[in-house]
C-alpha atoms as a PDB file:
ATOM      1  CA  ASN A   1     -31.903  -4.932  12.646  1.00  0.00           C
ATOM      2  CA  TYR A   2     -28.260  -4.620  11.574  1.00  0.00           C
ATOM      3  CA  THR A   3     -28.998  -1.783   9.154  1.00  0.00           C
ATOM      4  CA  ILE A   4     -31.152   0.028  11.682  1.00  0.00           C
ATOM      5  CA  ASN A   5     -28.501  -0.361  14.381  1.00  0.00           C
ATOM      6  CA  GLN A   6     -25.792   0.864  11.988  1.00  0.00           C
ATOM      7  CA  ARG A   7     -27.807   3.803  10.654  1.00  0.00           C
ATOM      8  CA  LYS A   8     -25.572   6.526  12.087  1.00  0.00           C
ATOM      9  CA  PRO A   9     -22.258   5.077  10.740  1.00  0.00           C
ATOM     10  CA  LEU A  10     -23.904   4.383   7.374  1.00  0.00           C
ATOM     11  CA  MET A  11     -25.105   7.992   7.161  1.00  0.00           C
ATOM     12  CA  ASN A  12     -21.457   9.125   7.334  1.00  0.00           C
ATOM     13  CA  THR A  13     -21.057   8.024   3.724  1.00  0.00           C
ATOM     14  CA  LEU A  14     -23.515  10.745   2.774  1.00  0.00           C
ATOM     15  CA  LEU A  15     -21.582  13.380   4.728  1.00  0.00           C
ATOM     16  CA  ASP A  16     -18.165  12.700   3.215  1.00  0.00           C
ATOM     17  CA  GLU A  17     -17.937  11.815  -0.483  1.00  0.00           C
ATOM     18  CA  ARG A  18     -14.514  10.212   0.052  1.00  0.00           C
ATOM     19  CA  LEU A  19     -16.124   7.346   1.981  1.00  0.00           C
ATOM     20  CA  GLU A  20     -17.247   4.363  -0.033  1.00  0.00           C
ATOM     21  CA  VAL A  21     -20.396   2.411   0.701  1.00  0.00           C
ATOM     22  CA  SER A  22     -18.812  -0.928  -0.165  1.00  0.00           C
ATOM     23  CA  ASN A  23     -15.501  -2.500   0.749  1.00  0.00           C
ATOM     24  CA  ASN A  24     -14.901  -3.884  -2.762  1.00  0.00           C
ATOM     25  CA  ARG A  25     -11.728  -1.835  -3.197  1.00  0.00           C
ATOM     26  CA  SER A  26     -10.127  -3.263  -0.063  1.00  0.00           C
ATOM     27  CA  GLU A  27     -11.317  -6.756  -0.992  1.00  0.00           C
ATOM     28  CA  ARG A  28      -9.616  -6.433  -4.395  1.00  0.00           C
ATOM     29  CA  ALA A  29      -6.440  -5.146  -2.725  1.00  0.00           C
ATOM     30  CA  ILE A  30      -6.047  -8.251  -0.564  1.00  0.00           C
ATOM     31  CA  LYS A  31      -7.154 -10.760  -3.213  1.00  0.00           C
ATOM     32  CA  PRO A  32      -3.592 -11.416  -4.536  1.00  0.00           C
ATOM     33  CA  PHE A  33      -2.457 -12.137  -0.994  1.00  0.00           C
ATOM     34  CA  VAL A  34      -5.271 -14.627  -0.465  1.00  0.00           C
ATOM     35  CA  MET A  35      -4.666 -16.235  -3.871  1.00  0.00           C
ATOM     36  CA  GLY A  36      -0.963 -16.674  -3.089  1.00  0.00           C
ATOM     37  CA  ARG A  37      -1.580 -18.044   0.388  1.00  0.00           C
ATOM     38  CA  LYS A  38       0.216 -21.327  -0.301  1.00  0.00           C
ATOM     39  CA  ASN A  39       3.300 -19.413  -1.416  1.00  0.00           C
ATOM     40  CA  TRP A  40       3.533 -17.909   2.056  1.00  0.00           C
ATOM     41  CA  LEU A  41       4.053 -21.388   3.496  1.00  0.00           C
ATOM     42  CA  PHE A  42       7.664 -21.057   2.352  1.00  0.00           C
ATOM     43  CA  CYS A  43       8.182 -18.253   4.882  1.00  0.00           C
ATOM     44  CA  ASN A  44       9.237 -20.866   7.379  1.00  0.00           C
ATOM     45  CA  THR A  45      10.637 -18.473   9.991  1.00  0.00           C
ATOM     46  CA  PRO A  46       9.057 -15.507  11.771  1.00  0.00           C
ATOM     47  CA  ARG A  47      11.734 -13.202  10.312  1.00  0.00           C
ATOM     48  CA  GLY A  48      11.016 -14.490   6.801  1.00  0.00           C
ATOM     49  CA  ALA A  49       7.283 -13.964   7.271  1.00  0.00           C
ATOM     50  CA  LYS A  50       7.846 -10.448   8.622  1.00  0.00           C
ATOM     51  CA  SER A  51      10.118  -9.586   5.695  1.00  0.00           C
ATOM     52  CA  SER A  52       7.567 -10.911   3.204  1.00  0.00           C
ATOM     53  CA  ALA A  53       4.798  -8.905   4.862  1.00  0.00           C
ATOM     54  CA  ILE A  54       6.861  -5.706   4.745  1.00  0.00           C
ATOM     55  CA  LEU A  55       7.743  -6.212   1.097  1.00  0.00           C
ATOM     56  CA  TYR A  56       4.139  -7.039   0.215  1.00  0.00           C
ATOM     57  CA  SER A  57       2.933  -3.887   2.019  1.00  0.00           C
ATOM     58  CA  ILE A  58       5.409  -1.727   0.106  1.00  0.00           C
ATOM     59  CA  VAL A  59       4.362  -3.197  -3.242  1.00  0.00           C
ATOM     60  CA  VAL A  60       0.627  -2.807  -2.560  1.00  0.00           C
ATOM     61  CA  SER A  61       1.149   0.759  -1.287  1.00  0.00           C
ATOM     62  CA  ALA A  62       3.067   1.578  -4.465  1.00  0.00           C
ATOM     63  CA  ILE A  63       0.278   0.189  -6.641  1.00  0.00           C
ATOM     64  CA  GLU A  64      -2.384   2.089  -4.679  1.00  0.00           C
ATOM     65  CA  ASN A  65      -0.404   5.312  -5.206  1.00  0.00           C
ATOM     66  CA  ASP A  66      -0.108   4.748  -8.986  1.00  0.00           C
ATOM     67  CA  LEU A  67       3.574   3.881  -8.855  1.00  0.00           C
ATOM     68  CA  LEU A  68       5.405   1.209 -10.805  1.00  0.00           C
ATOM     69  CA  PRO A  69       6.329  -1.306  -8.084  1.00  0.00           C
ATOM     70  CA  PHE A  70       9.665  -2.477  -9.520  1.00  0.00           C
ATOM     71  CA  GLU A  71      10.888   1.041 -10.274  1.00  0.00           C
ATOM     72  CA  TYR A  72       9.717   2.314  -6.884  1.00  0.00           C
ATOM     73  CA  LEU A  73      11.394  -0.561  -5.016  1.00  0.00           C
ATOM     74  CA  SER A  74      14.636  -0.023  -6.939  1.00  0.00           C
ATOM     75  CA  TYR A  75      14.578   3.693  -6.170  1.00  0.00           C
ATOM     76  CA  LEU A  76      13.619   3.085  -2.536  1.00  0.00           C
ATOM     77  CA  LEU A  77      16.392   0.566  -1.867  1.00  0.00           C
ATOM     78  CA  ASP A  78      18.947   2.789  -3.588  1.00  0.00           C
ATOM     79  CA  GLN A  79      17.932   5.843  -1.570  1.00  0.00           C
ATOM     80  CA  LEU A  80      17.640   4.071   1.791  1.00  0.00           C
ATOM     81  CA  ARG A  81      21.331   3.242   1.764  1.00  0.00           C
ATOM     82  CA  ARG A  82      22.194   6.904   1.125  1.00  0.00           C
ATOM     83  CA  ILE A  83      20.101   8.745   3.705  1.00  0.00           C
ATOM     84  CA  ASP A  84      20.116   9.202   7.468  1.00  0.00           C
ATOM     85  CA  LEU A  85      17.362   6.893   8.689  1.00  0.00           C
ATOM     86  CA  ASN A  86      16.740   9.225  11.642  1.00  0.00           C
ATOM     87  CA  ASP A  87      15.889  12.123   9.306  1.00  0.00           C
ATOM     88  CA  LYS A  88      12.075  12.203   9.249  1.00  0.00           C
ATOM     89  CA  GLU A  89      11.914  14.515   6.225  1.00  0.00           C
ATOM     90  CA  ALA A  90      14.202  12.245   4.217  1.00  0.00           C
ATOM     91  CA  ILE A  91      12.059   9.220   5.090  1.00  0.00           C
ATOM     92  CA  ASP A  92       8.850  11.130   4.240  1.00  0.00           C
ATOM     93  CA  SER A  93      10.274  12.001   0.817  1.00  0.00           C
ATOM     94  CA  LEU A  94      10.484   8.261   0.039  1.00  0.00           C
ATOM     95  CA  MET A  95       6.907   7.403   0.968  1.00  0.00           C
ATOM     96  CA  PRO A  96       4.735   6.182  -1.931  1.00  0.00           C
ATOM     97  CA  TYR A  97       2.492   9.255  -1.682  1.00  0.00           C
ATOM     98  CA  SER A  98       5.413  11.712  -1.773  1.00  0.00           C
ATOM     99  CA  GLU A  99       5.384  14.345  -4.499  1.00  0.00           C
ATOM    100  CA  GLN A 100       9.207  14.220  -4.471  1.00  0.00           C
ATOM    101  CA  LEU A 101       9.465  10.787  -6.088  1.00  0.00           C
ATOM    102  CA  PRO A 102      10.992  10.803  -9.577  1.00  0.00           C
ATOM    103  CA  ASP A 103       8.746  10.504 -12.625  1.00  0.00           C
ATOM    104  CA  GLU A 104      10.243   7.141 -13.604  1.00  0.00           C
ATOM    105  CA  CYS A 105       8.557   5.644 -10.507  1.00  0.00           C
ATOM    106  CA  ARG A 106       5.136   6.908 -11.562  1.00  0.00           C
ATOM    107  CA  ARG A 107       2.665   5.078 -13.762  1.00  0.00           C
ATOM    108  CA  LYS A 108       2.009   6.900 -17.022  1.00  0.00           C
ATOM    109  CA  GLU A 109      -1.571   8.078 -17.516  1.00  0.00           C
ATOM    110  CA  ASN A 110      -2.195   5.787 -20.511  1.00  0.00           C
ATOM    111  CA  GLU A 111      -0.987   2.613 -18.729  1.00  0.00           C
END
């Protein structure tokens, strides 16, 4: 019944090749977070938990965009102190998918 009831959404995967039939990729992306669950117990304040979540999101986004997390974070923190945080274009240039990021933040093809 589930498959029959979900026929129309499932057919979308045939219409757009970017859509994946399984959610394995997203499952793999959150696996480190689940595995480190006990480490998050040390975020004993709401501000600490929020900061950890933001940092974790930045690192995972960097990995998903084929960036080197440490190099990207170093570059990001260095640039954030130098730019106007109200300048949307400046903020966009720092996003992990930005073409304007320096090559040293990018993963080499043979890595």
